[in-house]
Amino acid sequence: MGILSWIVMGLIVGILAKVIMPGRDPGGVIITILLGIGGAFVGGFVGSFLGLGAVTGFNMGSVLLATGGAILLLILYRVIKK
């Protein structure tokens, strides 16, 4: 995937994660994109570790893995914030 693809997917995944887990997290478009890109890395790592696959492009499996990773990042942020 190219850099533009990562940014678009990061935005989509970040929005999905924030819709699934609403709260008073730092926001803005840039933070949402970074959350989604970070979620793609975390989701890809955890998914490949568990044998679920990896984030390979724009497909449903990759978006679900990346969203799961972004949710894990939000949970980690909220635990550290407390």
Protein backbone atom coordinates (compact mmCIF):
# COMPACT_ATOMS: atom_id res chain seq x y z
CA MET A 1 0.00 0.00 0.00
CA GLY A 2 1.17 3.51 -0.76
CA ILE A 3 1.40 6.34 1.73
CA LEU A 4 -1.88 7.87 0.55
CA SER A 5 -3.62 4.53 1.00
CA TRP A 6 -2.32 4.29 4.57
CA ILE A 7 -3.58 7.79 5.34
CA VAL A 8 -7.06 7.09 3.92
CA MET A 9 -7.29 3.73 5.64
CA GLY A 10 -6.01 5.30 8.87
CA LEU A 11 -8.76 7.91 8.72
CA ILE A 12 -11.47 5.30 8.10
CA VAL A 13 -10.18 2.96 10.81
CA GLY A 14 -9.68 5.79 13.30
CA ILE A 15 -13.24 7.00 12.77
CA LEU A 16 -14.59 3.46 13.17
CA ALA A 17 -12.65 2.97 16.40
CA LYS A 18 -13.87 6.27 17.84
CA VAL A 19 -17.48 5.41 16.88
CA ILE A 20 -17.21 2.02 18.56
CA MET A 21 -15.54 3.49 21.67
CA PRO A 22 -16.82 7.03 22.17
CA GLY A 23 -15.25 9.10 24.89
CA ARG A 24 -13.26 12.18 25.72
CA ASP A 25 -10.12 11.22 23.85
CA PRO A 26 -7.90 13.76 22.15
CA GLY A 27 -9.33 14.31 18.73
CA GLY A 28 -8.87 15.98 15.46
CA VAL A 29 -8.29 14.62 12.02
CA ILE A 30 -4.53 14.14 12.42
CA ILE A 31 -4.86 12.22 15.69
CA THR A 32 -7.64 10.08 14.21
CA ILE A 33 -5.45 9.24 11.18
CA LEU A 34 -2.49 8.40 13.42
CA LEU A 35 -4.74 6.25 15.61
CA GLY A 36 -5.90 4.34 12.55
CA ILE A 37 -2.39 3.85 11.15
CA GLY A 38 -1.10 2.75 14.55
CA GLY A 39 -4.11 0.45 14.85
CA ALA A 40 -3.22 -1.11 11.50
CA PHE A 41 0.28 -1.88 12.74
CA VAL A 42 -0.94 -3.26 16.07
CA GLY A 43 -3.79 -5.19 14.46
CA GLY A 44 -1.48 -6.62 11.81
CA PHE A 45 1.04 -7.72 14.42
CA VAL A 46 -1.55 -9.29 16.74
CA GLY A 47 -3.43 -10.83 13.81
CA SER A 48 -0.33 -12.47 12.38
CA PHE A 49 0.73 -13.63 15.86
CA LEU A 50 -2.67 -15.30 16.40
CA GLY A 51 -2.81 -16.66 12.85
CA LEU A 52 -5.70 -14.44 11.76
CA GLY A 53 -3.79 -12.81 8.90
CA ALA A 54 -2.22 -9.42 8.39
CA VAL A 55 -3.20 -6.00 7.13
CA THR A 56 -2.54 -6.38 3.41
CA GLY A 57 -4.63 -3.69 1.72
CA PHE A 58 -8.15 -2.36 1.43
CA ASN A 59 -10.25 -5.41 2.20
CA MET A 60 -12.71 -6.27 4.93
CA GLY A 61 -10.28 -8.46 6.89
CA SER A 62 -7.61 -5.77 6.95
CA VAL A 63 -10.07 -3.08 8.02
CA LEU A 64 -11.39 -5.29 10.83
CA LEU A 65 -7.86 -6.12 12.05
CA ALA A 66 -6.83 -2.47 11.91
CA THR A 67 -9.98 -1.37 13.74
CA GLY A 68 -9.33 -3.96 16.44
CA GLY A 69 -5.79 -2.65 16.79
CA ALA A 70 -7.03 0.94 17.03
CA ILE A 71 -9.49 -0.07 19.73
CA LEU A 72 -6.63 -1.72 21.64
CA LEU A 73 -4.69 1.54 21.36
CA LEU A 74 -7.67 3.51 22.70
CA ILE A 75 -8.02 1.10 25.62
CA LEU A 76 -4.29 1.38 26.36
CA TYR A 77 -4.49 5.19 26.19
CA ARG A 78 -7.40 5.25 28.64
CA VAL A 79 -5.64 2.89 31.08
CA ILE A 80 -2.44 4.95 31.02
CA LYS A 81 -4.40 8.22 31.33
CA LYS A 82 -6.01 7.15 34.64
